[in-house]
Amino acid sequence: MLLGLFLISCATPPKYADISMTEPIQREILRYSDNEHKIVISFIIKGHVGTYRNGDERRKTTLYPGINFNLMNNSDKNITIDWNEVWFILGNQSGYRIMHKETVNHECERQKDPTVVLAKTYYSDIIIPCYSIQPANYRFGPKWKNSMLPPVQTTQKVDFGVFLPLQFEGGETVNYKFMFRASGMQK
């Protein structure tokens, strides 16, 4: 009996079986090329095992902390990312403020400095919605835990995305909206 409980508690929690891009194009590969502006943006959305609370009950689940992205600027122009204009979208709800790798957790809602991606260079970052940043007390002091998506146990499908305006040197701003769908359950 005790061995059975141990095996149940150590089991890997379920995760979303499929994450695909639904906008601006539908595809399983999380990558978008804009030939006109000579950029390539790819996304990585992975989960890791964590816990969440449902009242007094704690359950193991797969947490999805944020959207990792890579921007390849193949153009001859610098690109500015104004983080104060970048929004996380969950379902059909309005946008949520975000943080990225240069943001300290407790300063998520504050103004952020822009990032300049130089011409012919590569830039990597992560987009994390501020609503998902929660302080959590652990045995060895406070830490932060987050998940931008609801646990797969509570929903079988969730639509989410990011509004990412990029300002090209010379003043042109292109508003990119990338939407994704996480669906199914994989154990």
N, C-alpha and C. Protein backbone atom coordinates (compact mmCIF):
# COMPACT_ATOMS: atom_id res chain seq x y z
N MET A 1 0.83 -1.20 0.00
CA MET A 1 0.00 0.00 0.00
C MET A 1 0.87 1.26 0.00
N LEU A 2 1.88 1.28 0.87
CA LEU A 2 2.76 2.45 0.97
C LEU A 2 3.53 2.65 -0.34
N LEU A 3 3.97 1.56 -0.96
CA LEU A 3 4.68 1.64 -2.24
C LEU A 3 3.76 2.23 -3.31
N GLY A 4 2.50 1.84 -3.32
CA GLY A 4 1.53 2.37 -4.28
C GLY A 4 1.36 3.86 -4.14
N LEU A 5 1.26 4.35 -2.89
CA LEU A 5 1.13 5.79 -2.67
C LEU A 5 2.38 6.52 -3.13
N PHE A 6 3.55 5.93 -2.88
CA PHE A 6 4.81 6.54 -3.31
C PHE A 6 4.85 6.66 -4.83
N LEU A 7 4.43 5.60 -5.54
CA LEU A 7 4.45 5.62 -6.99
C LEU A 7 3.48 6.65 -7.55
N ILE A 8 2.32 6.79 -6.91
CA ILE A 8 1.35 7.78 -7.37
C ILE A 8 1.90 9.19 -7.18
N SER A 9 2.51 9.44 -6.02
CA SER A 9 3.01 10.79 -5.75
C SER A 9 4.21 11.15 -6.60
N CYS A 10 4.95 10.17 -7.11
CA CYS A 10 6.13 10.43 -7.93
C CYS A 10 5.81 10.44 -9.42
N ALA A 11 4.58 10.10 -9.78
CA ALA A 11 4.21 10.05 -11.19
C ALA A 11 4.36 11.44 -11.81
N THR A 12 4.76 11.44 -13.07
CA THR A 12 4.88 12.70 -13.79
C THR A 12 3.49 13.26 -14.04
N PRO A 13 3.26 14.53 -13.70
CA PRO A 13 1.94 15.10 -13.92
C PRO A 13 1.67 15.30 -15.42
N PRO A 14 0.40 15.35 -15.80
CA PRO A 14 0.09 15.54 -17.21
C PRO A 14 0.50 16.92 -17.71
N LYS A 15 0.69 17.02 -19.01
CA LYS A 15 1.01 18.30 -19.64
C LYS A 15 0.20 18.41 -20.93
N TYR A 16 0.21 19.58 -21.53
CA TYR A 16 -0.49 19.75 -22.79
C TYR A 16 0.21 18.92 -23.86
N ALA A 17 -0.57 18.16 -24.63
CA ALA A 17 -0.01 17.27 -25.63
C ALA A 17 0.46 18.02 -26.88
N ASP A 18 -0.20 19.13 -27.17
CA ASP A 18 0.12 19.83 -28.42
C ASP A 18 0.06 21.33 -28.19
N ILE A 19 1.08 22.03 -28.64
CA ILE A 19 1.07 23.49 -28.66
C ILE A 19 1.41 23.92 -30.08
N SER A 20 0.48 24.64 -30.70
CA SER A 20 0.68 25.05 -32.09
C SER A 20 0.37 26.53 -32.26
N MET A 21 0.89 27.11 -33.33
CA MET A 21 0.63 28.51 -33.66
C MET A 21 -0.69 28.58 -34.43
N THR A 22 -1.54 29.53 -34.07
CA THR A 22 -2.81 29.70 -34.78
C THR A 22 -2.89 31.04 -35.52
N GLU A 23 -2.02 31.98 -35.17
CA GLU A 23 -2.04 33.30 -35.80
C GLU A 23 -0.63 33.88 -35.75
N PRO A 24 -0.09 34.50 -36.76
CA PRO A 24 -0.70 34.95 -38.00
C PRO A 24 -0.90 33.84 -39.02
N ILE A 25 -0.26 32.69 -38.81
CA ILE A 25 -0.48 31.53 -39.68
C ILE A 25 -0.69 30.31 -38.79
N GLN A 26 -1.41 29.32 -39.31
CA GLN A 26 -1.61 28.09 -38.55
C GLN A 26 -0.53 27.10 -38.92
N ARG A 27 0.18 26.65 -37.88
CA ARG A 27 1.23 25.66 -38.12
C ARG A 27 1.67 25.04 -36.80
N GLU A 28 2.22 23.85 -36.89
CA GLU A 28 2.71 23.17 -35.70
C GLU A 28 4.07 23.70 -35.28
N ILE A 29 4.84 24.17 -36.25
CA ILE A 29 6.16 24.73 -35.95
C ILE A 29 5.97 26.15 -35.44
N LEU A 30 6.54 26.46 -34.30
CA LEU A 30 6.35 27.77 -33.67
C LEU A 30 7.40 28.75 -34.19
N ARG A 31 7.29 29.05 -35.48
CA ARG A 31 8.27 29.90 -36.14
C ARG A 31 7.57 30.75 -37.20
N TYR A 32 7.97 32.02 -37.27
CA TYR A 32 7.37 32.95 -38.23
C TYR A 32 8.47 33.73 -38.93
N SER A 33 8.36 33.82 -40.26
CA SER A 33 9.31 34.60 -41.05
C SER A 33 8.58 35.76 -41.71
N ASP A 34 9.15 36.94 -41.61
CA ASP A 34 8.63 38.13 -42.29
C ASP A 34 9.70 38.53 -43.30
N ASN A 35 9.51 38.10 -44.55
CA ASN A 35 10.51 38.37 -45.58
C ASN A 35 10.61 39.85 -45.91
N GLU A 36 9.50 40.57 -45.80
CA GLU A 36 9.51 42.00 -46.11
C GLU A 36 10.44 42.75 -45.15
N HIS A 37 10.37 42.39 -43.86
CA HIS A 37 11.19 43.08 -42.86
C HIS A 37 12.45 42.30 -42.48
N LYS A 38 12.64 41.16 -43.11
CA LYS A 38 13.85 40.34 -42.96
C LYS A 38 14.10 39.93 -41.50
N ILE A 39 13.04 39.40 -40.87
CA ILE A 39 13.21 38.88 -39.52
C ILE A 39 12.63 37.46 -39.45
N VAL A 40 13.14 36.70 -38.51
CA VAL A 40 12.61 35.37 -38.20
C VAL A 40 12.42 35.32 -36.69
N ILE A 41 11.22 34.94 -36.27
CA ILE A 41 10.92 34.81 -34.84
C ILE A 41 10.51 33.38 -34.57
N SER A 42 11.18 32.75 -33.62
CA SER A 42 10.80 31.39 -33.22
C SER A 42 10.48 31.39 -31.73
N PHE A 43 9.58 30.50 -31.35
CA PHE A 43 9.10 30.44 -29.97
C PHE A 43 9.35 29.06 -29.39
N ILE A 44 9.62 29.02 -28.09
CA ILE A 44 9.79 27.76 -27.37
C ILE A 44 8.89 27.84 -26.14
N ILE A 45 7.96 26.90 -26.02
CA ILE A 45 7.03 26.88 -24.91
C ILE A 45 7.11 25.51 -24.26
N LYS A 46 7.79 25.44 -23.12
CA LYS A 46 7.99 24.16 -22.43
C LYS A 46 7.51 24.27 -21.00
N GLY A 47 7.08 23.17 -20.47
CA GLY A 47 6.64 23.13 -19.09
C GLY A 47 7.64 22.40 -18.21
N HIS A 48 7.51 22.61 -16.91
CA HIS A 48 8.30 21.87 -15.93
C HIS A 48 7.39 21.49 -14.76
N VAL A 49 7.77 20.47 -14.04
CA VAL A 49 6.95 19.97 -12.94
C VAL A 49 6.98 20.94 -11.78
N GLY A 50 5.82 21.22 -11.22
CA GLY A 50 5.68 22.09 -10.06
C GLY A 50 4.41 21.73 -9.32
N THR A 51 4.01 22.56 -8.39
CA THR A 51 2.78 22.31 -7.66
C THR A 51 1.87 23.54 -7.73
N TYR A 52 0.59 23.29 -7.60
CA TYR A 52 -0.36 24.39 -7.47
C TYR A 52 -1.32 24.03 -6.37
N ARG A 53 -1.95 25.05 -5.82
CA ARG A 53 -2.89 24.84 -4.73
C ARG A 53 -4.31 24.98 -5.24
N ASN A 54 -5.14 24.10 -4.75
CA ASN A 54 -6.57 24.16 -5.00
C ASN A 54 -7.21 24.15 -3.62
N GLY A 55 -7.41 25.35 -3.04
CA GLY A 55 -7.84 25.43 -1.65
C GLY A 55 -6.71 24.99 -0.75
N ASP A 56 -6.95 24.03 0.12
CA ASP A 56 -5.90 23.50 0.99
C ASP A 56 -5.13 22.35 0.36
N GLU A 57 -5.60 21.90 -0.78
CA GLU A 57 -4.98 20.76 -1.44
C GLU A 57 -3.85 21.22 -2.35
N ARG A 58 -2.72 20.51 -2.32
CA ARG A 58 -1.59 20.79 -3.22
C ARG A 58 -1.51 19.65 -4.22
N ARG A 59 -1.35 20.00 -5.49
CA ARG A 59 -1.25 18.99 -6.53
C ARG A 59 -0.04 19.25 -7.40
N LYS A 60 0.55 18.16 -7.87
CA LYS A 60 1.63 18.28 -8.85
C LYS A 60 0.99 18.63 -10.19
N THR A 61 1.65 19.48 -10.91
CA THR A 61 1.17 19.84 -12.24
C THR A 61 2.36 20.25 -13.10
N THR A 62 2.09 20.53 -14.34
CA THR A 62 3.12 21.06 -15.23
C THR A 62 2.91 22.57 -15.33
N LEU A 63 3.93 23.33 -14.96
CA LEU A 63 3.88 24.79 -15.01
C LEU A 63 4.51 25.28 -16.31
N TYR A 64 3.90 26.28 -16.89
CA TYR A 64 4.41 26.89 -18.12
C TYR A 64 4.77 28.34 -17.79
N PRO A 65 6.04 28.60 -17.45
CA PRO A 65 6.40 29.93 -16.94
C PRO A 65 6.32 31.06 -17.96
N GLY A 66 6.60 30.82 -19.21
CA GLY A 66 6.59 31.92 -20.16
C GLY A 66 6.83 31.45 -21.58
N ILE A 67 6.90 32.42 -22.47
CA ILE A 67 7.15 32.15 -23.89
C ILE A 67 8.57 32.59 -24.20
N ASN A 68 9.45 31.64 -24.43
CA ASN A 68 10.81 31.96 -24.87
C ASN A 68 10.75 32.29 -26.35
N PHE A 69 11.47 33.31 -26.76
CA PHE A 69 11.50 33.61 -28.18
C PHE A 69 12.89 34.03 -28.62
N ASN A 70 13.14 33.78 -29.90
CA ASN A 70 14.40 34.14 -30.54
C ASN A 70 14.05 35.02 -31.74
N LEU A 71 14.75 36.14 -31.85
CA LEU A 71 14.52 37.08 -32.95
C LEU A 71 15.82 37.20 -33.75
N MET A 72 15.75 36.82 -35.00
CA MET A 72 16.89 36.97 -35.90
C MET A 72 16.63 38.19 -36.78
N ASN A 73 17.43 39.23 -36.59
CA ASN A 73 17.29 40.45 -37.37
C ASN A 73 18.25 40.39 -38.55
N ASN A 74 17.75 39.98 -39.69
CA ASN A 74 18.56 39.88 -40.90
C ASN A 74 18.57 41.18 -41.70
N SER A 75 17.89 42.20 -41.20
CA SER A 75 17.79 43.47 -41.93
C SER A 75 19.03 44.33 -41.69
N ASP A 76 19.07 45.44 -42.40
CA ASP A 76 20.15 46.41 -42.23
C ASP A 76 19.77 47.50 -41.23
N LYS A 77 18.65 47.31 -40.52
CA LYS A 77 18.15 48.30 -39.57
C LYS A 77 18.11 47.73 -38.16
N ASN A 78 18.38 48.59 -37.18
CA ASN A 78 18.20 48.19 -35.78
C ASN A 78 16.71 48.11 -35.49
N ILE A 79 16.35 47.24 -34.54
CA ILE A 79 14.96 47.07 -34.12
C ILE A 79 14.87 47.38 -32.64
N THR A 80 13.86 48.16 -32.25
CA THR A 80 13.63 48.47 -30.84
C THR A 80 12.39 47.74 -30.36
N ILE A 81 12.52 47.07 -29.22
CA ILE A 81 11.37 46.44 -28.56
C ILE A 81 11.03 47.30 -27.35
N ASP A 82 9.88 47.94 -27.37
CA ASP A 82 9.40 48.73 -26.23
C ASP A 82 8.57 47.79 -25.37
N TRP A 83 9.16 47.30 -24.30
CA TRP A 83 8.51 46.30 -23.44
C TRP A 83 7.23 46.81 -22.80
N ASN A 84 7.06 48.11 -22.72
CA ASN A 84 5.84 48.68 -22.15
C ASN A 84 4.66 48.55 -23.10
N GLU A 85 4.93 48.18 -24.35
CA GLU A 85 3.88 48.01 -25.36
C GLU A 85 3.65 46.55 -25.71
N VAL A 86 4.41 45.63 -25.09
CA VAL A 86 4.25 44.20 -25.33
C VAL A 86 3.21 43.67 -24.35
N TRP A 87 2.28 42.84 -24.85
CA TRP A 87 1.19 42.32 -24.02
C TRP A 87 1.06 40.82 -24.19
N PHE A 88 0.71 40.15 -23.08
CA PHE A 88 0.37 38.73 -23.11
C PHE A 88 -1.14 38.63 -23.24
N ILE A 89 -1.62 37.72 -24.06
CA ILE A 89 -3.05 37.54 -24.30
C ILE A 89 -3.44 36.14 -23.83
N LEU A 90 -4.49 36.04 -23.04
CA LEU A 90 -5.00 34.75 -22.58
C LEU A 90 -6.45 34.62 -23.01
N GLY A 91 -6.72 33.62 -23.85
CA GLY A 91 -8.07 33.43 -24.37
C GLY A 91 -8.51 34.63 -25.18
N ASN A 92 -9.76 35.03 -25.00
CA ASN A 92 -10.25 36.21 -25.72
C ASN A 92 -10.27 37.43 -24.80
N GLN A 93 -9.50 37.36 -23.71
CA GLN A 93 -9.43 38.46 -22.76
C GLN A 93 -8.45 39.52 -23.26
N SER A 94 -8.52 40.68 -22.65
CA SER A 94 -7.60 41.74 -23.03
C SER A 94 -6.19 41.38 -22.58
N GLY A 95 -5.22 42.20 -23.01
CA GLY A 95 -3.83 41.90 -22.74
C GLY A 95 -3.41 42.12 -21.30
N TYR A 96 -2.37 41.42 -20.92
CA TYR A 96 -1.77 41.54 -19.59
C TYR A 96 -0.35 42.07 -19.74
N ARG A 97 0.06 42.93 -18.81
CA ARG A 97 1.43 43.43 -18.80
C ARG A 97 2.39 42.24 -18.63
N ILE A 98 3.60 42.45 -19.10
CA ILE A 98 4.58 41.35 -19.08
C ILE A 98 5.87 41.78 -18.39
N MET A 99 6.68 40.78 -18.12
CA MET A 99 8.07 41.01 -17.74
C MET A 99 8.91 40.20 -18.71
N HIS A 100 10.20 40.49 -18.75
CA HIS A 100 11.13 39.73 -19.58
C HIS A 100 12.41 39.52 -18.78
N LYS A 101 13.45 39.01 -19.41
CA LYS A 101 14.63 38.58 -18.64
C LYS A 101 15.34 39.71 -17.90
N GLU A 102 15.10 40.96 -18.28
CA GLU A 102 15.74 42.08 -17.59
C GLU A 102 14.89 42.65 -16.46
N THR A 103 13.74 42.03 -16.18
CA THR A 103 12.81 42.53 -15.17
C THR A 103 12.95 41.74 -13.88
N VAL A 104 13.01 42.43 -12.77
CA VAL A 104 13.01 41.79 -11.45
C VAL A 104 11.56 41.47 -11.10
N ASN A 105 11.32 40.28 -10.54
CA ASN A 105 9.95 39.81 -10.29
C ASN A 105 9.05 40.84 -9.62
N HIS A 106 9.51 41.45 -8.54
CA HIS A 106 8.64 42.36 -7.81
C HIS A 106 8.45 43.71 -8.52
N GLU A 107 9.13 43.91 -9.64
CA GLU A 107 8.98 45.15 -10.41
C GLU A 107 8.24 44.92 -11.74
N CYS A 108 7.49 43.84 -11.79
CA CYS A 108 6.83 43.45 -13.03
C CYS A 108 5.93 44.53 -13.61
N GLU A 109 5.20 45.24 -12.78
CA GLU A 109 4.23 46.23 -13.26
C GLU A 109 4.86 47.60 -13.57
N ARG A 110 6.13 47.78 -13.27
CA ARG A 110 6.79 49.07 -13.49
C ARG A 110 7.20 49.25 -14.95
N GLN A 111 7.57 50.50 -15.30
CA GLN A 111 8.05 50.81 -16.64
C GLN A 111 9.35 50.04 -16.91
N LYS A 112 9.52 49.63 -18.16
CA LYS A 112 10.69 48.85 -18.55
C LYS A 112 11.48 49.60 -19.63
N ASP A 113 12.79 49.45 -19.58
CA ASP A 113 13.64 50.05 -20.60
C ASP A 113 13.50 49.26 -21.90
N PRO A 114 13.59 49.94 -23.04
CA PRO A 114 13.51 49.24 -24.33
C PRO A 114 14.79 48.44 -24.59
N THR A 115 14.68 47.49 -25.49
CA THR A 115 15.81 46.70 -25.95
C THR A 115 16.05 47.01 -27.41
N VAL A 116 17.30 47.22 -27.80
CA VAL A 116 17.65 47.44 -29.20
C VAL A 116 18.34 46.19 -29.72
N VAL A 117 17.78 45.65 -30.80
CA VAL A 117 18.37 44.49 -31.48
C VAL A 117 19.09 45.04 -32.70
N LEU A 118 20.39 44.96 -32.68
CA LEU A 118 21.20 45.53 -33.76
C LEU A 118 20.97 44.79 -35.07
N ALA A 119 21.22 45.50 -36.18
CA ALA A 119 21.10 44.91 -37.51
C ALA A 119 22.02 43.68 -37.61
N LYS A 120 21.54 42.67 -38.29
CA LYS A 120 22.30 41.44 -38.55
C LYS A 120 22.70 40.70 -37.28
N THR A 121 21.86 40.77 -36.24
CA THR A 121 22.17 40.06 -34.99
C THR A 121 20.98 39.22 -34.55
N TYR A 122 21.23 38.47 -33.50
CA TYR A 122 20.27 37.52 -32.93
C TYR A 122 20.00 37.93 -31.49
N TYR A 123 18.73 37.85 -31.08
CA TYR A 123 18.35 38.22 -29.72
C TYR A 123 17.41 37.16 -29.16
N SER A 124 17.60 36.82 -27.89
CA SER A 124 16.77 35.81 -27.22
C SER A 124 16.25 36.37 -25.91
N ASP A 125 14.98 36.09 -25.59
CA ASP A 125 14.37 36.60 -24.36
C ASP A 125 13.21 35.70 -23.99
N ILE A 126 12.51 36.06 -22.92
CA ILE A 126 11.32 35.33 -22.47
C ILE A 126 10.25 36.35 -22.10
N ILE A 127 9.01 36.03 -22.44
CA ILE A 127 7.87 36.87 -22.11
C ILE A 127 7.06 36.14 -21.05
N ILE A 128 6.87 36.81 -19.90
CA ILE A 128 6.14 36.23 -18.78
C ILE A 128 5.04 37.20 -18.37
N PRO A 129 3.78 36.75 -18.35
CA PRO A 129 2.72 37.67 -17.92
C PRO A 129 2.82 37.97 -16.43
N CYS A 130 2.64 39.25 -16.08
CA CYS A 130 2.76 39.66 -14.67
C CYS A 130 1.76 38.95 -13.77
N TYR A 131 0.56 38.64 -14.28
CA TYR A 131 -0.43 38.01 -13.41
C TYR A 131 0.03 36.65 -12.89
N SER A 132 0.96 36.03 -13.59
CA SER A 132 1.36 34.68 -13.19
C SER A 132 2.50 34.66 -12.17
N ILE A 133 3.09 35.81 -11.87
CA ILE A 133 4.19 35.86 -10.91
C ILE A 133 3.60 35.90 -9.50
N GLN A 134 3.89 34.87 -8.72
CA GLN A 134 3.35 34.78 -7.37
C GLN A 134 4.46 34.45 -6.39
N PRO A 135 4.53 35.17 -5.28
CA PRO A 135 5.52 34.78 -4.27
C PRO A 135 5.08 33.45 -3.63
N ALA A 136 6.06 32.63 -3.35
CA ALA A 136 5.78 31.34 -2.72
C ALA A 136 6.80 31.12 -1.62
N ASN A 137 6.35 30.80 -0.44
CA ASN A 137 7.28 30.54 0.66
C ASN A 137 7.67 29.07 0.67
N TYR A 138 8.94 28.86 0.65
CA TYR A 138 9.49 27.52 0.70
C TYR A 138 10.30 27.36 1.97
N ARG A 139 10.72 26.17 2.20
CA ARG A 139 11.45 25.84 3.42
C ARG A 139 12.68 26.73 3.63
N PHE A 140 13.36 27.08 2.56
CA PHE A 140 14.60 27.84 2.68
C PHE A 140 14.43 29.31 2.29
N GLY A 141 13.23 29.83 2.42
CA GLY A 141 13.00 31.24 2.15
C GLY A 141 12.08 31.48 0.97
N PRO A 142 11.74 32.73 0.72
CA PRO A 142 10.79 33.04 -0.36
C PRO A 142 11.39 32.82 -1.74
N LYS A 143 10.56 32.34 -2.64
CA LYS A 143 10.92 32.18 -4.04
C LYS A 143 9.70 32.59 -4.85
N TRP A 144 9.84 32.57 -6.15
CA TRP A 144 8.73 32.95 -7.03
C TRP A 144 8.34 31.74 -7.84
N LYS A 145 7.05 31.57 -8.01
CA LYS A 145 6.57 30.51 -8.89
C LYS A 145 5.56 31.11 -9.84
N ASN A 146 5.46 30.55 -11.01
CA ASN A 146 4.51 31.09 -11.96
C ASN A 146 4.13 30.05 -13.01
N SER A 147 2.96 30.24 -13.57
CA SER A 147 2.52 29.50 -14.74
C SER A 147 1.55 30.37 -15.51
N MET A 148 1.86 30.62 -16.76
CA MET A 148 1.01 31.49 -17.58
C MET A 148 -0.24 30.78 -18.04
N LEU A 149 -0.24 29.44 -18.01
CA LEU A 149 -1.37 28.66 -18.47
C LEU A 149 -2.02 27.94 -17.29
N PRO A 150 -3.33 27.74 -17.35
CA PRO A 150 -3.99 26.98 -16.28
C PRO A 150 -3.53 25.52 -16.33
N PRO A 151 -3.58 24.81 -15.20
CA PRO A 151 -3.18 23.39 -15.20
C PRO A 151 -4.00 22.60 -16.22
N VAL A 152 -3.33 21.68 -16.90
CA VAL A 152 -4.00 20.89 -17.92
C VAL A 152 -5.15 20.07 -17.31
N GLN A 153 -5.08 19.80 -16.00
CA GLN A 153 -6.14 19.05 -15.35
C GLN A 153 -7.45 19.84 -15.30
N THR A 154 -7.39 21.17 -15.41
CA THR A 154 -8.59 21.99 -15.29
C THR A 154 -9.18 22.40 -16.63
N THR A 155 -8.44 22.25 -17.71
CA THR A 155 -8.95 22.62 -19.03
C THR A 155 -8.25 21.77 -20.08
N GLN A 156 -8.95 21.46 -21.14
CA GLN A 156 -8.35 20.64 -22.19
C GLN A 156 -7.81 21.47 -23.35
N LYS A 157 -8.12 22.79 -23.34
CA LYS A 157 -7.66 23.64 -24.43
C LYS A 157 -7.55 25.07 -23.91
N VAL A 158 -6.49 25.75 -24.30
CA VAL A 158 -6.34 27.16 -23.92
C VAL A 158 -5.65 27.90 -25.07
N ASP A 159 -6.21 29.05 -25.40
CA ASP A 159 -5.62 29.93 -26.42
C ASP A 159 -4.87 31.06 -25.71
N PHE A 160 -3.69 31.37 -26.19
CA PHE A 160 -2.87 32.42 -25.58
C PHE A 160 -1.95 32.99 -26.64
N GLY A 161 -1.37 34.12 -26.33
CA GLY A 161 -0.48 34.71 -27.33
C GLY A 161 0.25 35.93 -26.81
N VAL A 162 0.88 36.62 -27.75
CA VAL A 162 1.66 37.81 -27.40
C VAL A 162 1.50 38.85 -28.50
N PHE A 163 1.30 40.10 -28.08
CA PHE A 163 1.30 41.25 -28.98
C PHE A 163 2.69 41.85 -28.87
N LEU A 164 3.44 41.86 -29.98
CA LEU A 164 4.85 42.24 -29.97
C LEU A 164 5.12 43.28 -31.05
N PRO A 165 4.99 44.57 -30.73
CA PRO A 165 5.32 45.60 -31.71
C PRO A 165 6.84 45.78 -31.81
N LEU A 166 7.32 45.82 -33.04
CA LEU A 166 8.75 46.04 -33.28
C LEU A 166 8.91 47.33 -34.06
N GLN A 167 9.77 48.22 -33.54
CA GLN A 167 10.02 49.49 -34.22
C GLN A 167 11.35 49.40 -34.96
N PHE A 168 11.26 49.56 -36.27
CA PHE A 168 12.45 49.50 -37.11
C PHE A 168 13.08 50.88 -37.20
N GLU A 169 14.40 50.89 -37.28
CA GLU A 169 15.13 52.16 -37.41
C GLU A 169 14.56 52.94 -38.59
N GLY A 170 14.28 54.19 -38.36
CA GLY A 170 13.66 55.02 -39.38
C GLY A 170 12.20 55.32 -39.04
N GLY A 171 11.67 54.66 -38.00
CA GLY A 171 10.35 55.02 -37.51
C GLY A 171 9.22 54.05 -37.78
N GLU A 172 9.37 53.08 -38.69
CA GLU A 172 8.27 52.16 -38.98
C GLU A 172 8.08 51.17 -37.83
N THR A 173 6.84 51.06 -37.34
CA THR A 173 6.51 50.08 -36.31
C THR A 173 5.59 49.03 -36.92
N VAL A 174 5.95 47.77 -36.72
CA VAL A 174 5.13 46.66 -37.20
C VAL A 174 4.57 45.95 -35.96
N ASN A 175 3.24 45.85 -35.89
CA ASN A 175 2.56 45.21 -34.76
C ASN A 175 2.32 43.74 -35.07
N TYR A 176 3.08 42.88 -34.43
CA TYR A 176 2.91 41.44 -34.62
C TYR A 176 2.04 40.89 -33.50
N LYS A 177 1.10 40.04 -33.87
CA LYS A 177 0.27 39.33 -32.90
C LYS A 177 0.42 37.85 -33.18
N PHE A 178 0.97 37.14 -32.20
CA PHE A 178 1.18 35.71 -32.33
C PHE A 178 0.24 35.00 -31.36
N MET A 179 -0.57 34.08 -31.86
CA MET A 179 -1.49 33.32 -31.02
C MET A 179 -1.14 31.84 -31.10
N PHE A 180 -1.34 31.17 -29.97
CA PHE A 180 -1.02 29.75 -29.85
C PHE A 180 -2.19 29.03 -29.22
N ARG A 181 -2.26 27.72 -29.42
CA ARG A 181 -3.26 26.89 -28.78
C ARG A 181 -2.56 25.70 -28.13
N ALA A 182 -2.82 25.54 -26.84
CA ALA A 182 -2.35 24.35 -26.11
C ALA A 182 -3.57 23.46 -25.93
N SER A 183 -3.44 22.19 -26.29
CA SER A 183 -4.60 21.30 -26.23
C SER A 183 -4.18 19.88 -25.92
N GLY A 184 -5.17 19.11 -25.51
CA GLY A 184 -4.96 17.70 -25.21
C GLY A 184 -4.18 17.49 -23.94
N MET A 185 -4.18 16.27 -23.46
CA MET A 185 -3.45 15.94 -22.24
C MET A 185 -2.50 14.79 -22.51
N GLN A 186 -1.27 14.96 -22.12
CA GLN A 186 -0.26 13.92 -22.28
C GLN A 186 0.27 13.57 -20.91
N LYS A 187 0.29 12.28 -20.60
CA LYS A 187 0.80 11.86 -19.28
C LYS A 187 2.20 11.34 -19.41
